[in-house]
Amino acid sequence: MTKAQAATADVFLTALKALPKAERDAVLVRIARDKALARDILDLALIARRRSEPSRPFRDYLSERKAR
């Protein structure tokens, strides 16, 4: 993420947090109902959760998939 992207994200997050709860919830519900945005958020959450896991070669992953 570039500095400009991080700054933009900070502005949007600050604005979201500053909203009254009902308005903030309305924004979050709209994001959750947007299939593409919801999928992106789930993907990013999964990446963040698994970031500390060790990596492995892609070929090993493919071998495992074929063995199933």
Protein backbone atom coordinates (compact mmCIF):
# COMPACT_ATOMS: atom_id res chain seq x y z
CA MET A 1 0.00 0.00 0.00
CA THR A 2 1.38 3.38 -0.95
CA LYS A 3 1.44 6.34 1.41
CA ALA A 4 -1.31 8.00 -0.63
CA GLN A 5 -3.49 4.89 -0.40
CA ALA A 6 -2.91 4.65 3.34
CA ALA A 7 -3.77 8.33 3.78
CA THR A 8 -6.99 7.93 1.81
CA ALA A 9 -7.92 4.83 3.82
CA ASP A 10 -7.27 6.73 7.06
CA VAL A 11 -9.54 9.58 5.95
CA PHE A 12 -12.39 7.20 5.11
CA LEU A 13 -11.95 5.20 8.32
CA THR A 14 -11.88 8.36 10.44
CA ALA A 15 -15.05 9.61 8.73
CA LEU A 16 -16.78 6.24 9.24
CA LYS A 17 -15.85 6.16 12.93
CA ALA A 18 -17.09 9.73 13.37
CA LEU A 19 -20.60 8.88 12.16
CA PRO A 20 -23.34 8.30 14.68
CA LYS A 21 -23.87 4.57 15.28
CA ALA A 22 -27.07 4.35 13.22
CA GLU A 23 -25.45 5.98 10.21
CA ARG A 24 -22.26 3.93 10.59
CA ASP A 25 -24.36 0.75 10.74
CA ALA A 26 -26.24 1.82 7.59
CA VAL A 27 -22.96 2.23 5.72
CA LEU A 28 -21.65 -1.13 6.92
CA VAL A 29 -24.90 -2.88 5.98
CA ARG A 30 -24.65 -1.47 2.46
CA ILE A 31 -21.05 -2.66 2.19
CA ALA A 32 -22.06 -6.12 3.44
CA ARG A 33 -24.90 -6.31 0.90
CA ASP A 34 -22.59 -5.46 -1.98
CA LYS A 35 -21.38 -8.92 -3.00
CA ALA A 36 -18.08 -7.75 -4.49
CA LEU A 37 -17.17 -5.55 -1.53
CA ALA A 38 -18.22 -8.18 0.99
CA ARG A 39 -16.09 -10.79 -0.80
CA ASP A 40 -13.11 -8.40 -0.83
CA ILE A 41 -13.48 -7.77 2.90
CA LEU A 42 -13.65 -11.50 3.64
CA ASP A 43 -10.57 -12.11 1.49
CA LEU A 44 -8.63 -9.34 3.24
CA ALA A 45 -9.67 -10.61 6.68
CA LEU A 46 -8.50 -14.12 5.79
CA ILE A 47 -5.17 -12.81 4.51
CA ALA A 48 -4.67 -10.76 7.69
CA ARG A 49 -5.52 -13.75 9.89
CA ARG A 50 -3.17 -16.11 8.05
CA ARG A 51 -0.30 -13.67 7.51
CA SER A 52 1.81 -15.26 10.24
CA GLU A 53 1.50 -18.77 8.81
CA PRO A 54 4.52 -20.14 7.03
CA SER A 55 4.43 -20.10 3.25
CA ARG A 56 4.90 -23.14 1.06
CA PRO A 57 5.73 -23.71 -2.57
CA PHE A 58 2.80 -23.55 -4.95
CA ARG A 59 3.79 -26.90 -6.46
CA ASP A 60 3.36 -28.52 -3.02
CA TYR A 61 -0.13 -27.03 -2.78
CA LEU A 62 -1.01 -28.36 -6.24
CA SER A 63 0.28 -31.82 -5.33
CA GLU A 64 -1.93 -31.85 -2.24
CA ARG A 65 -4.97 -30.80 -4.28
CA LYS A 66 -4.40 -33.55 -6.82
CA ALA A 67 -4.05 -36.17 -4.05
CA ARG A 68 -7.55 -35.44 -2.68
